[in-house]
Amino acid sequence: MRRVRIAVMISGGGSNLQALMDAIDSGQIPAEIALVISSDKKAYGLDRAKKRGIPVDCLPEKEMSEDLLSEEILRRLHAFSIDLVLLAGYLKKIPEKVVKVYEEGIINVHPSLIPAFSGKGFYGEKVHRAVHERGVKITGATVHFVNEGMDEGPIILQESVSLTGLETPEEIGKKVLEVEHRILPKAVELFVKNKLKNQQGRILVKGDEVR
């Protein structure tokens, strides 16, 4: 049987990419990472992929229209026969045309408990600074399907992180990242094993009681 072919899109260090590669190596996820795409040609995540022999590519850094960007992304995904796209620390919005082509085939991990601290302007360290400034006592991470909105797609998994209110934004980020490394591979495993069901916008794991 053909293994699910995954493209991972990154913008930075690629620690979530590493977690995914480790989960595949352990047998947790019966799939293969066929391509890594970066928005930054200097992203360390590209080095992680190269060490594993995974093909890498970078999106053009010049400004371009949404239609042209869609073409650039889709050309790469189609060339590698990609089934599932993972946004693992990818800091740019996916064009609507790409979302429509890969409907419920794009998964993102976000460093907060959506809908809190999500949407336009909330990405990367900006999320953790906002959490710190509000003195939030519970934060966490969310894995969700990507739709045309910003962090508005159906939620697959969430896990909370308790805070004392004394942590720095950097410390909050480290705690949340540990959660991301657990729930992103788990969500991908459920997807690959065809265990996710969309029931009127709510993502359920097949076998769970429907309420």
N, C-alpha and C. Protein backbone atom coordinates (compact mmCIF):
# COMPACT_ATOMS: atom_id res chain seq x y z
N MET A 1 0.84 -1.20 0.00
CA MET A 1 0.00 0.00 0.00
C MET A 1 0.88 1.26 0.00
N ARG A 2 0.50 2.23 -0.81
CA ARG A 2 1.27 3.48 -0.90
C ARG A 2 1.18 4.25 0.42
N ARG A 3 2.32 4.67 0.91
CA ARG A 3 2.35 5.44 2.14
C ARG A 3 1.93 6.88 1.87
N VAL A 4 1.27 7.49 2.86
CA VAL A 4 0.87 8.89 2.76
C VAL A 4 2.12 9.75 2.63
N ARG A 5 2.10 10.64 1.65
CA ARG A 5 3.25 11.51 1.39
C ARG A 5 2.96 12.90 1.98
N ILE A 6 3.86 13.33 2.85
CA ILE A 6 3.67 14.57 3.60
C ILE A 6 4.66 15.63 3.15
N ALA A 7 4.16 16.86 3.05
CA ALA A 7 5.03 18.03 2.88
C ALA A 7 4.96 18.85 4.16
N VAL A 8 6.09 19.20 4.70
CA VAL A 8 6.14 20.02 5.92
C VAL A 8 6.63 21.41 5.54
N MET A 9 5.86 22.43 5.92
CA MET A 9 6.22 23.81 5.62
C MET A 9 6.70 24.48 6.91
N ILE A 10 7.86 25.12 6.83
CA ILE A 10 8.50 25.69 8.01
C ILE A 10 8.96 27.12 7.73
N SER A 11 9.37 27.80 8.79
CA SER A 11 9.96 29.13 8.66
C SER A 11 11.19 29.30 9.52
N GLY A 12 11.45 28.33 10.40
CA GLY A 12 12.55 28.52 11.35
C GLY A 12 13.30 27.25 11.68
N GLY A 13 13.46 27.00 12.99
CA GLY A 13 14.34 25.94 13.47
C GLY A 13 13.89 24.53 13.16
N GLY A 14 12.58 24.33 12.99
CA GLY A 14 12.10 23.02 12.60
C GLY A 14 12.06 21.99 13.71
N SER A 15 11.84 22.40 14.97
CA SER A 15 11.77 21.40 16.04
C SER A 15 10.53 20.53 15.91
N ASN A 16 9.43 21.09 15.40
CA ASN A 16 8.24 20.26 15.15
C ASN A 16 8.49 19.30 14.00
N LEU A 17 9.24 19.73 13.01
CA LEU A 17 9.65 18.84 11.93
C LEU A 17 10.44 17.67 12.51
N GLN A 18 11.34 17.96 13.44
CA GLN A 18 12.13 16.91 14.08
C GLN A 18 11.24 15.93 14.82
N ALA A 19 10.25 16.46 15.53
CA ALA A 19 9.32 15.59 16.26
C ALA A 19 8.57 14.68 15.30
N LEU A 20 8.20 15.19 14.16
CA LEU A 20 7.50 14.39 13.15
C LEU A 20 8.41 13.32 12.57
N MET A 21 9.64 13.68 12.27
CA MET A 21 10.59 12.71 11.73
C MET A 21 10.83 11.60 12.74
N ASP A 22 10.96 11.97 14.01
CA ASP A 22 11.18 10.96 15.06
C ASP A 22 9.97 10.03 15.19
N ALA A 23 8.76 10.60 15.07
CA ALA A 23 7.54 9.79 15.18
C ALA A 23 7.42 8.82 14.01
N ILE A 24 7.86 9.23 12.85
CA ILE A 24 7.85 8.34 11.68
C ILE A 24 8.89 7.24 11.86
N ASP A 25 10.07 7.63 12.34
CA ASP A 25 11.14 6.65 12.56
C ASP A 25 10.72 5.58 13.57
N SER A 26 9.94 5.99 14.58
CA SER A 26 9.54 5.05 15.64
C SER A 26 8.40 4.13 15.20
N GLY A 27 7.80 4.44 14.07
CA GLY A 27 6.67 3.65 13.60
C GLY A 27 5.32 4.19 14.03
N GLN A 28 5.31 5.29 14.77
CA GLN A 28 4.04 5.87 15.23
C GLN A 28 3.19 6.34 14.05
N ILE A 29 3.85 6.96 13.07
CA ILE A 29 3.14 7.49 11.91
C ILE A 29 3.55 6.70 10.67
N PRO A 30 2.63 5.92 10.08
CA PRO A 30 2.95 5.16 8.88
C PRO A 30 2.84 6.03 7.63
N ALA A 31 3.82 6.90 7.47
CA ALA A 31 3.83 7.84 6.36
C ALA A 31 5.27 8.22 6.07
N GLU A 32 5.47 9.09 5.08
CA GLU A 32 6.81 9.57 4.79
C GLU A 32 6.78 11.07 4.53
N ILE A 33 7.80 11.76 5.01
CA ILE A 33 7.96 13.17 4.68
C ILE A 33 8.68 13.23 3.34
N ALA A 34 7.95 13.65 2.31
CA ALA A 34 8.48 13.64 0.96
C ALA A 34 9.10 14.97 0.55
N LEU A 35 8.80 16.04 1.31
CA LEU A 35 9.28 17.37 0.94
C LEU A 35 9.20 18.30 2.14
N VAL A 36 10.19 19.16 2.28
CA VAL A 36 10.15 20.25 3.26
C VAL A 36 10.29 21.56 2.51
N ILE A 37 9.35 22.46 2.75
CA ILE A 37 9.34 23.77 2.09
C ILE A 37 9.53 24.84 3.16
N SER A 38 10.41 25.77 2.90
CA SER A 38 10.66 26.86 3.85
C SER A 38 10.38 28.22 3.22
N SER A 39 9.90 29.13 4.05
CA SER A 39 9.73 30.52 3.62
C SER A 39 11.02 31.30 3.79
N ASP A 40 12.00 30.67 4.43
CA ASP A 40 13.29 31.32 4.71
C ASP A 40 14.41 30.35 4.32
N LYS A 41 15.24 30.76 3.37
CA LYS A 41 16.31 29.88 2.89
C LYS A 41 17.37 29.60 3.95
N LYS A 42 17.37 30.39 5.05
CA LYS A 42 18.35 30.20 6.11
C LYS A 42 17.78 29.41 7.29
N ALA A 43 16.56 28.93 7.17
CA ALA A 43 15.92 28.21 8.28
C ALA A 43 16.70 26.94 8.62
N TYR A 44 16.96 26.76 9.91
CA TYR A 44 17.72 25.58 10.34
C TYR A 44 16.96 24.28 10.06
N GLY A 45 15.64 24.37 9.99
CA GLY A 45 14.85 23.19 9.69
C GLY A 45 15.25 22.54 8.37
N LEU A 46 15.74 23.34 7.44
CA LEU A 46 16.20 22.79 6.15
C LEU A 46 17.39 21.86 6.37
N ASP A 47 18.27 22.23 7.29
CA ASP A 47 19.42 21.37 7.59
C ASP A 47 18.97 20.05 8.22
N ARG A 48 17.94 20.11 9.08
CA ARG A 48 17.42 18.89 9.68
C ARG A 48 16.92 17.94 8.59
N ALA A 49 16.22 18.50 7.61
CA ALA A 49 15.68 17.67 6.54
C ALA A 49 16.79 17.10 5.66
N LYS A 50 17.76 17.93 5.33
CA LYS A 50 18.85 17.48 4.47
C LYS A 50 19.62 16.32 5.10
N LYS A 51 19.78 16.37 6.43
CA LYS A 51 20.50 15.30 7.12
C LYS A 51 19.76 13.96 7.00
N ARG A 52 18.45 14.02 6.81
CA ARG A 52 17.64 12.81 6.64
C ARG A 52 17.47 12.44 5.18
N GLY A 53 18.04 13.24 4.29
CA GLY A 53 17.91 12.95 2.87
C GLY A 53 16.55 13.34 2.30
N ILE A 54 15.84 14.22 2.99
CA ILE A 54 14.53 14.67 2.53
C ILE A 54 14.70 15.85 1.58
N PRO A 55 14.07 15.83 0.41
CA PRO A 55 14.16 16.96 -0.52
C PRO A 55 13.65 18.25 0.12
N VAL A 56 14.32 19.35 -0.16
CA VAL A 56 13.92 20.64 0.39
C VAL A 56 13.75 21.66 -0.73
N ASP A 57 12.97 22.68 -0.43
CA ASP A 57 12.77 23.77 -1.39
C ASP A 57 12.43 25.02 -0.60
N CYS A 58 12.63 26.16 -1.22
CA CYS A 58 12.31 27.43 -0.59
C CYS A 58 11.38 28.22 -1.50
N LEU A 59 10.43 28.89 -0.89
CA LEU A 59 9.56 29.76 -1.65
C LEU A 59 10.29 31.05 -1.98
N PRO A 60 10.00 31.64 -3.12
CA PRO A 60 10.65 32.91 -3.48
C PRO A 60 10.41 33.96 -2.41
N GLU A 61 11.46 34.71 -2.09
CA GLU A 61 11.34 35.72 -1.04
C GLU A 61 10.77 37.03 -1.55
N LYS A 62 10.74 37.21 -2.86
CA LYS A 62 10.22 38.45 -3.41
C LYS A 62 8.71 38.54 -3.23
N GLU A 63 8.19 39.76 -3.19
CA GLU A 63 6.75 39.96 -3.07
C GLU A 63 6.07 39.48 -4.34
N MET A 64 4.94 38.81 -4.20
CA MET A 64 4.19 38.34 -5.36
C MET A 64 2.71 38.30 -5.03
N SER A 65 1.89 38.22 -6.07
CA SER A 65 0.46 38.18 -5.87
C SER A 65 0.07 36.86 -5.22
N GLU A 66 -1.13 36.82 -4.64
CA GLU A 66 -1.60 35.59 -4.01
C GLU A 66 -1.74 34.48 -5.04
N ASP A 67 -2.19 34.83 -6.24
CA ASP A 67 -2.36 33.82 -7.29
C ASP A 67 -1.01 33.21 -7.67
N LEU A 68 0.00 34.04 -7.81
CA LEU A 68 1.31 33.54 -8.17
C LEU A 68 1.91 32.69 -7.05
N LEU A 69 1.72 33.13 -5.80
CA LEU A 69 2.21 32.35 -4.67
C LEU A 69 1.51 31.00 -4.62
N SER A 70 0.20 31.00 -4.90
CA SER A 70 -0.53 29.73 -4.94
C SER A 70 0.07 28.79 -5.96
N GLU A 71 0.39 29.33 -7.13
CA GLU A 71 0.98 28.51 -8.19
C GLU A 71 2.34 27.95 -7.76
N GLU A 72 3.13 28.78 -7.09
CA GLU A 72 4.46 28.34 -6.65
C GLU A 72 4.34 27.20 -5.64
N ILE A 73 3.39 27.33 -4.70
CA ILE A 73 3.21 26.29 -3.68
C ILE A 73 2.65 25.01 -4.30
N LEU A 74 1.59 25.14 -5.11
CA LEU A 74 0.95 23.97 -5.69
C LEU A 74 1.87 23.23 -6.66
N ARG A 75 2.70 23.97 -7.37
CA ARG A 75 3.64 23.32 -8.28
C ARG A 75 4.56 22.39 -7.51
N ARG A 76 5.03 22.83 -6.38
CA ARG A 76 5.92 22.01 -5.56
C ARG A 76 5.18 20.81 -4.97
N LEU A 77 3.97 21.04 -4.46
CA LEU A 77 3.21 19.95 -3.85
C LEU A 77 2.83 18.88 -4.88
N HIS A 78 2.41 19.31 -6.04
CA HIS A 78 2.02 18.35 -7.08
C HIS A 78 3.22 17.58 -7.62
N ALA A 79 4.36 18.26 -7.70
CA ALA A 79 5.56 17.60 -8.24
C ALA A 79 5.98 16.42 -7.37
N PHE A 80 5.66 16.49 -6.07
CA PHE A 80 6.04 15.43 -5.15
C PHE A 80 4.84 14.57 -4.72
N SER A 81 3.72 14.72 -5.42
CA SER A 81 2.52 13.91 -5.15
C SER A 81 2.15 13.93 -3.67
N ILE A 82 2.03 15.14 -3.13
CA ILE A 82 1.79 15.31 -1.70
C ILE A 82 0.31 15.06 -1.36
N ASP A 83 0.08 14.28 -0.30
CA ASP A 83 -1.27 13.99 0.18
C ASP A 83 -1.67 14.88 1.35
N LEU A 84 -0.71 15.24 2.19
CA LEU A 84 -0.98 16.00 3.42
C LEU A 84 0.08 17.08 3.59
N VAL A 85 -0.38 18.29 3.90
CA VAL A 85 0.52 19.42 4.12
C VAL A 85 0.48 19.79 5.60
N LEU A 86 1.65 19.88 6.22
CA LEU A 86 1.75 20.26 7.63
C LEU A 86 2.44 21.60 7.76
N LEU A 87 1.80 22.51 8.48
CA LEU A 87 2.41 23.80 8.78
C LEU A 87 3.02 23.70 10.17
N ALA A 88 4.33 23.56 10.22
CA ALA A 88 5.04 23.32 11.48
C ALA A 88 5.94 24.52 11.77
N GLY A 89 5.34 25.56 12.31
CA GLY A 89 6.11 26.79 12.52
C GLY A 89 6.20 27.62 11.26
N TYR A 90 5.27 27.43 10.34
CA TYR A 90 5.24 28.23 9.11
C TYR A 90 4.49 29.52 9.43
N LEU A 91 5.12 30.67 9.19
CA LEU A 91 4.62 31.94 9.70
C LEU A 91 3.84 32.77 8.69
N LYS A 92 3.49 32.19 7.55
CA LYS A 92 2.74 32.94 6.55
C LYS A 92 1.38 32.29 6.31
N LYS A 93 0.43 33.09 5.86
CA LYS A 93 -0.92 32.59 5.59
C LYS A 93 -0.92 31.80 4.28
N ILE A 94 -1.56 30.65 4.30
CA ILE A 94 -1.67 29.83 3.10
C ILE A 94 -2.74 30.43 2.18
N PRO A 95 -2.43 30.63 0.91
CA PRO A 95 -3.41 31.22 -0.02
C PRO A 95 -4.68 30.38 -0.12
N GLU A 96 -5.78 31.05 -0.34
CA GLU A 96 -7.09 30.38 -0.38
C GLU A 96 -7.15 29.30 -1.46
N LYS A 97 -6.51 29.54 -2.60
CA LYS A 97 -6.54 28.55 -3.68
C LYS A 97 -5.89 27.24 -3.25
N VAL A 98 -4.81 27.32 -2.49
CA VAL A 98 -4.13 26.12 -2.00
C VAL A 98 -5.02 25.38 -1.01
N VAL A 99 -5.70 26.14 -0.15
CA VAL A 99 -6.60 25.54 0.84
C VAL A 99 -7.72 24.77 0.14
N LYS A 100 -8.25 25.33 -0.93
CA LYS A 100 -9.35 24.67 -1.64
C LYS A 100 -8.88 23.39 -2.32
N VAL A 101 -7.68 23.40 -2.87
CA VAL A 101 -7.15 22.20 -3.52
C VAL A 101 -6.90 21.10 -2.49
N TYR A 102 -6.43 21.48 -1.30
CA TYR A 102 -6.12 20.51 -0.25
C TYR A 102 -7.12 20.63 0.90
N GLU A 103 -8.40 20.64 0.58
CA GLU A 103 -9.43 20.77 1.61
C GLU A 103 -9.32 19.63 2.62
N GLU A 104 -9.23 20.01 3.89
CA GLU A 104 -9.00 19.07 4.99
C GLU A 104 -7.78 18.21 4.72
N GLY A 105 -6.80 18.80 4.07
CA GLY A 105 -5.53 18.14 3.83
C GLY A 105 -4.36 19.00 4.23
N ILE A 106 -4.65 20.07 4.99
CA ILE A 106 -3.61 20.95 5.52
C ILE A 106 -3.84 21.06 7.03
N ILE A 107 -2.81 20.77 7.79
CA ILE A 107 -2.89 20.80 9.25
C ILE A 107 -1.86 21.78 9.80
N ASN A 108 -2.29 22.58 10.77
CA ASN A 108 -1.42 23.57 11.40
C ASN A 108 -1.35 23.34 12.90
N VAL A 109 -0.20 23.67 13.48
CA VAL A 109 -0.08 23.68 14.94
C VAL A 109 0.09 25.12 15.38
N HIS A 110 -0.73 25.53 16.36
CA HIS A 110 -0.73 26.92 16.83
C HIS A 110 -0.39 26.95 18.32
N PRO A 111 0.46 27.89 18.76
CA PRO A 111 0.94 27.89 20.15
C PRO A 111 0.02 28.56 21.16
N SER A 112 -1.28 28.27 21.09
CA SER A 112 -2.21 28.72 22.13
C SER A 112 -3.44 27.82 22.07
N LEU A 113 -4.32 28.00 23.02
CA LEU A 113 -5.58 27.26 23.02
C LEU A 113 -6.60 28.08 22.21
N ILE A 114 -6.69 27.79 20.94
CA ILE A 114 -7.63 28.51 20.07
C ILE A 114 -9.04 28.36 20.64
N PRO A 115 -9.84 29.43 20.72
CA PRO A 115 -9.68 30.70 20.02
C PRO A 115 -8.88 31.78 20.75
N ALA A 116 -8.33 31.49 21.93
CA ALA A 116 -7.54 32.49 22.64
C ALA A 116 -6.22 32.74 21.92
N PHE A 117 -5.83 33.99 21.83
CA PHE A 117 -4.54 34.38 21.27
C PHE A 117 -4.30 33.75 19.90
N SER A 118 -5.27 33.92 19.03
CA SER A 118 -5.15 33.38 17.68
C SER A 118 -5.68 34.41 16.69
N GLY A 119 -5.50 34.13 15.41
CA GLY A 119 -5.95 35.05 14.38
C GLY A 119 -4.85 35.99 13.93
N LYS A 120 -5.22 37.01 13.22
CA LYS A 120 -4.26 37.95 12.64
C LYS A 120 -3.35 38.55 13.69
N GLY A 121 -2.06 38.50 13.44
CA GLY A 121 -1.07 39.10 14.34
C GLY A 121 -0.57 38.19 15.44
N PHE A 122 -1.23 37.05 15.64
CA PHE A 122 -0.80 36.12 16.69
C PHE A 122 -0.06 34.94 16.07
N TYR A 123 1.25 35.01 16.15
CA TYR A 123 2.09 33.91 15.64
C TYR A 123 3.42 33.94 16.37
N GLY A 124 4.04 32.76 16.48
CA GLY A 124 5.37 32.66 17.07
C GLY A 124 5.45 33.27 18.46
N GLU A 125 6.52 34.00 18.70
CA GLU A 125 6.76 34.58 20.02
C GLU A 125 5.74 35.64 20.40
N LYS A 126 5.05 36.20 19.40
CA LYS A 126 4.04 37.22 19.71
C LYS A 126 2.93 36.63 20.57
N VAL A 127 2.61 35.37 20.35
CA VAL A 127 1.59 34.71 21.16
C VAL A 127 2.03 34.64 22.61
N HIS A 128 3.24 34.21 22.84
CA HIS A 128 3.73 34.01 24.22
C HIS A 128 3.91 35.34 24.95
N ARG A 129 4.28 36.38 24.22
CA ARG A 129 4.38 37.71 24.84
C ARG A 129 3.00 38.19 25.27
N ALA A 130 2.00 37.94 24.43
CA ALA A 130 0.64 38.36 24.77
C ALA A 130 0.11 37.57 25.97
N VAL A 131 0.40 36.29 26.01
CA VAL A 131 0.01 35.45 27.15
C VAL A 131 0.66 35.98 28.43
N HIS A 132 1.94 36.32 28.35
CA HIS A 132 2.68 36.85 29.49
C HIS A 132 2.08 38.17 29.96
N GLU A 133 1.79 39.05 29.03
CA GLU A 133 1.28 40.38 29.38
C GLU A 133 -0.09 40.32 30.06
N ARG A 134 -0.89 39.34 29.68
CA ARG A 134 -2.22 39.19 30.28
C ARG A 134 -2.19 38.42 31.58
N GLY A 135 -1.05 37.83 31.92
CA GLY A 135 -0.97 37.05 33.15
C GLY A 135 -1.81 35.78 33.10
N VAL A 136 -1.91 35.21 31.92
CA VAL A 136 -2.73 34.01 31.73
C VAL A 136 -2.20 32.86 32.59
N LYS A 137 -3.13 32.11 33.17
CA LYS A 137 -2.75 30.99 34.03
C LYS A 137 -2.82 29.64 33.31
N ILE A 138 -3.54 29.58 32.20
CA ILE A 138 -3.62 28.36 31.39
C ILE A 138 -3.47 28.73 29.92
N THR A 139 -2.46 28.17 29.28
CA THR A 139 -2.30 28.34 27.83
C THR A 139 -2.15 26.93 27.25
N GLY A 140 -1.54 26.80 26.11
CA GLY A 140 -1.38 25.47 25.53
C GLY A 140 -1.14 25.53 24.04
N ALA A 141 -1.49 24.46 23.35
CA ALA A 141 -1.28 24.38 21.91
C ALA A 141 -2.48 23.70 21.26
N THR A 142 -2.68 24.01 19.99
CA THR A 142 -3.81 23.50 19.23
C THR A 142 -3.34 22.99 17.88
N VAL A 143 -3.84 21.84 17.47
CA VAL A 143 -3.64 21.36 16.11
C VAL A 143 -4.99 21.41 15.42
N HIS A 144 -5.03 22.01 14.23
CA HIS A 144 -6.32 22.18 13.54
C HIS A 144 -6.14 22.09 12.03
N PHE A 145 -7.23 21.78 11.37
CA PHE A 145 -7.24 21.86 9.91
C PHE A 145 -7.24 23.32 9.50
N VAL A 146 -6.62 23.60 8.37
CA VAL A 146 -6.54 24.97 7.85
C VAL A 146 -7.70 25.21 6.89
N ASN A 147 -8.39 26.33 7.09
CA ASN A 147 -9.39 26.76 6.13
C ASN A 147 -9.02 28.15 5.63
N GLU A 148 -9.98 28.84 5.01
CA GLU A 148 -9.66 30.14 4.42
C GLU A 148 -9.40 31.22 5.47
N GLY A 149 -9.86 31.02 6.70
CA GLY A 149 -9.65 32.00 7.75
C GLY A 149 -8.29 31.84 8.41
N MET A 150 -8.01 32.72 9.36
CA MET A 150 -6.74 32.68 10.09
C MET A 150 -6.96 31.97 11.42
N ASP A 151 -6.44 30.77 11.55
CA ASP A 151 -6.60 29.96 12.76
C ASP A 151 -8.07 29.66 13.05
N GLU A 152 -8.88 29.50 12.01
CA GLU A 152 -10.31 29.30 12.18
C GLU A 152 -10.77 27.90 11.79
N GLY A 153 -9.87 27.05 11.32
CA GLY A 153 -10.26 25.72 10.86
C GLY A 153 -10.64 24.80 12.01
N PRO A 154 -11.33 23.69 11.70
CA PRO A 154 -11.77 22.74 12.73
C PRO A 154 -10.62 22.21 13.57
N ILE A 155 -10.84 22.18 14.88
CA ILE A 155 -9.80 21.77 15.84
C ILE A 155 -9.71 20.26 15.93
N ILE A 156 -8.50 19.74 15.85
CA ILE A 156 -8.25 18.30 15.94
C ILE A 156 -7.88 17.91 17.37
N LEU A 157 -6.84 18.54 17.90
CA LEU A 157 -6.37 18.24 19.26
C LEU A 157 -5.94 19.52 19.96
N GLN A 158 -6.09 19.53 21.27
CA GLN A 158 -5.57 20.61 22.11
C GLN A 158 -5.01 20.01 23.40
N GLU A 159 -4.02 20.69 23.95
CA GLU A 159 -3.50 20.30 25.25
C GLU A 159 -3.10 21.56 26.01
N SER A 160 -3.45 21.62 27.28
CA SER A 160 -3.22 22.81 28.07
C SER A 160 -1.87 22.78 28.79
N VAL A 161 -1.41 23.97 29.15
CA VAL A 161 -0.19 24.15 29.94
C VAL A 161 -0.53 25.11 31.07
N SER A 162 -0.30 24.68 32.31
CA SER A 162 -0.56 25.53 33.46
C SER A 162 0.62 26.46 33.71
N LEU A 163 0.31 27.71 34.04
CA LEU A 163 1.33 28.72 34.30
C LEU A 163 1.14 29.32 35.68
N THR A 164 2.23 29.79 36.26
CA THR A 164 2.15 30.46 37.56
C THR A 164 1.92 31.96 37.41
N GLY A 165 2.21 32.47 36.22
CA GLY A 165 2.16 33.91 36.00
C GLY A 165 3.52 34.55 36.15
N LEU A 166 4.51 33.77 36.58
CA LEU A 166 5.86 34.30 36.79
C LEU A 166 6.80 33.97 35.63
N GLU A 167 6.36 33.09 34.73
CA GLU A 167 7.24 32.68 33.61
C GLU A 167 7.47 33.83 32.64
N THR A 168 8.64 33.86 32.05
CA THR A 168 8.94 34.81 30.98
C THR A 168 8.30 34.30 29.69
N PRO A 169 8.16 35.15 28.68
CA PRO A 169 7.64 34.67 27.40
C PRO A 169 8.46 33.52 26.84
N GLU A 170 9.76 33.57 27.03
CA GLU A 170 10.62 32.49 26.54
C GLU A 170 10.32 31.18 27.25
N GLU A 171 10.12 31.25 28.56
CA GLU A 171 9.80 30.04 29.33
C GLU A 171 8.43 29.49 28.95
N ILE A 172 7.48 30.38 28.71
CA ILE A 172 6.17 29.94 28.25
C ILE A 172 6.30 29.22 26.91
N GLY A 173 7.10 29.81 26.01
CA GLY A 173 7.30 29.21 24.70
C GLY A 173 7.87 27.81 24.78
N LYS A 174 8.81 27.60 25.69
CA LYS A 174 9.43 26.27 25.82
C LYS A 174 8.42 25.25 26.32
N LYS A 175 7.58 25.64 27.28
CA LYS A 175 6.58 24.72 27.81
C LYS A 175 5.55 24.36 26.73
N VAL A 176 5.14 25.35 25.96
CA VAL A 176 4.15 25.11 24.91
C VAL A 176 4.74 24.26 23.80
N LEU A 177 6.01 24.49 23.49
CA LEU A 177 6.65 23.72 22.42
C LEU A 177 6.69 22.24 22.74
N GLU A 178 6.90 21.91 24.01
CA GLU A 178 6.88 20.50 24.43
C GLU A 178 5.53 19.86 24.11
N VAL A 179 4.46 20.62 24.31
CA VAL A 179 3.12 20.12 23.99
C VAL A 179 2.96 19.96 22.48
N GLU A 180 3.42 20.95 21.73
CA GLU A 180 3.34 20.87 20.27
C GLU A 180 4.01 19.60 19.75
N HIS A 181 5.15 19.26 20.34
CA HIS A 181 5.89 18.09 19.90
C HIS A 181 5.14 16.79 20.16
N ARG A 182 4.18 16.82 21.09
CA ARG A 182 3.36 15.64 21.36
C ARG A 182 2.11 15.58 20.49
N ILE A 183 1.40 16.71 20.41
CA ILE A 183 0.07 16.65 19.78
C ILE A 183 0.12 16.74 18.26
N LEU A 184 1.15 17.36 17.69
CA LEU A 184 1.21 17.40 16.23
C LEU A 184 1.43 16.00 15.65
N PRO A 185 2.42 15.24 16.12
CA PRO A 185 2.56 13.87 15.61
C PRO A 185 1.31 13.02 15.86
N LYS A 186 0.66 13.20 17.02
CA LYS A 186 -0.55 12.43 17.32
C LYS A 186 -1.66 12.75 16.32
N ALA A 187 -1.84 14.03 16.01
CA ALA A 187 -2.87 14.42 15.05
C ALA A 187 -2.58 13.85 13.67
N VAL A 188 -1.30 13.88 13.29
CA VAL A 188 -0.92 13.33 11.98
C VAL A 188 -1.17 11.82 11.96
N GLU A 189 -0.85 11.16 13.06
CA GLU A 189 -1.12 9.72 13.15
C GLU A 189 -2.60 9.42 12.94
N LEU A 190 -3.47 10.18 13.59
CA LEU A 190 -4.91 9.98 13.45
C LEU A 190 -5.36 10.23 12.02
N PHE A 191 -4.81 11.25 11.39
CA PHE A 191 -5.15 11.55 10.00
C PHE A 191 -4.73 10.41 9.08
N VAL A 192 -3.48 10.01 9.20
CA VAL A 192 -2.93 8.98 8.32
C VAL A 192 -3.68 7.66 8.48
N LYS A 193 -4.11 7.35 9.70
CA LYS A 193 -4.83 6.10 9.97
C LYS A 193 -6.33 6.25 9.72
N ASN A 194 -6.73 7.39 9.14
CA ASN A 194 -8.13 7.63 8.77
C ASN A 194 -9.07 7.53 9.96
N LYS A 195 -8.66 8.11 11.08
CA LYS A 195 -9.46 8.03 12.29
C LYS A 195 -10.18 9.34 12.63
N LEU A 196 -10.07 10.34 11.75
CA LEU A 196 -10.70 11.63 12.01
C LEU A 196 -11.99 11.76 11.20
N LYS A 197 -13.02 12.27 11.85
CA LYS A 197 -14.31 12.46 11.20
C LYS A 197 -14.81 13.88 11.46
N ASN A 198 -15.20 14.56 10.38
CA ASN A 198 -15.74 15.91 10.52
C ASN A 198 -17.25 15.81 10.65
N GLN A 199 -17.74 16.17 11.82
CA GLN A 199 -19.18 16.16 12.07
C GLN A 199 -19.64 17.59 12.28
N GLN A 200 -20.13 18.20 11.20
CA GLN A 200 -20.63 19.57 11.23
C GLN A 200 -19.61 20.54 11.81
N GLY A 201 -18.35 20.40 11.35
CA GLY A 201 -17.31 21.32 11.78
C GLY A 201 -16.59 20.92 13.03
N ARG A 202 -17.03 19.85 13.68
CA ARG A 202 -16.35 19.34 14.87
C ARG A 202 -15.59 18.08 14.47
N ILE A 203 -14.30 18.05 14.76
CA ILE A 203 -13.48 16.90 14.41
C ILE A 203 -13.53 15.89 15.53
N LEU A 204 -14.02 14.69 15.23
CA LEU A 204 -14.11 13.62 16.21
C LEU A 204 -13.17 12.49 15.80
N VAL A 205 -12.69 11.78 16.81
CA VAL A 205 -11.91 10.58 16.54
C VAL A 205 -12.88 9.43 16.41
N LYS A 206 -12.80 8.71 15.30
CA LYS A 206 -13.73 7.61 15.05
C LYS A 206 -13.68 6.61 16.21
N GLY A 207 -14.87 6.27 16.68
CA GLY A 207 -14.98 5.37 17.82
C GLY A 207 -15.38 6.10 19.08
N ASP A 208 -15.09 7.44 19.12
CA ASP A 208 -15.52 8.22 20.28
C ASP A 208 -17.05 8.37 20.27
N GLU A 209 -17.62 8.47 21.43
CA GLU A 209 -19.07 8.65 21.53
C GLU A 209 -19.43 10.03 20.98
N VAL A 210 -20.46 10.10 20.14
CA VAL A 210 -20.91 11.36 19.56
C VAL A 210 -21.96 11.97 20.47
N ARG A 211 -21.73 13.22 20.86
CA ARG A 211 -22.68 13.91 21.73
C ARG A 211 -23.33 15.06 20.97
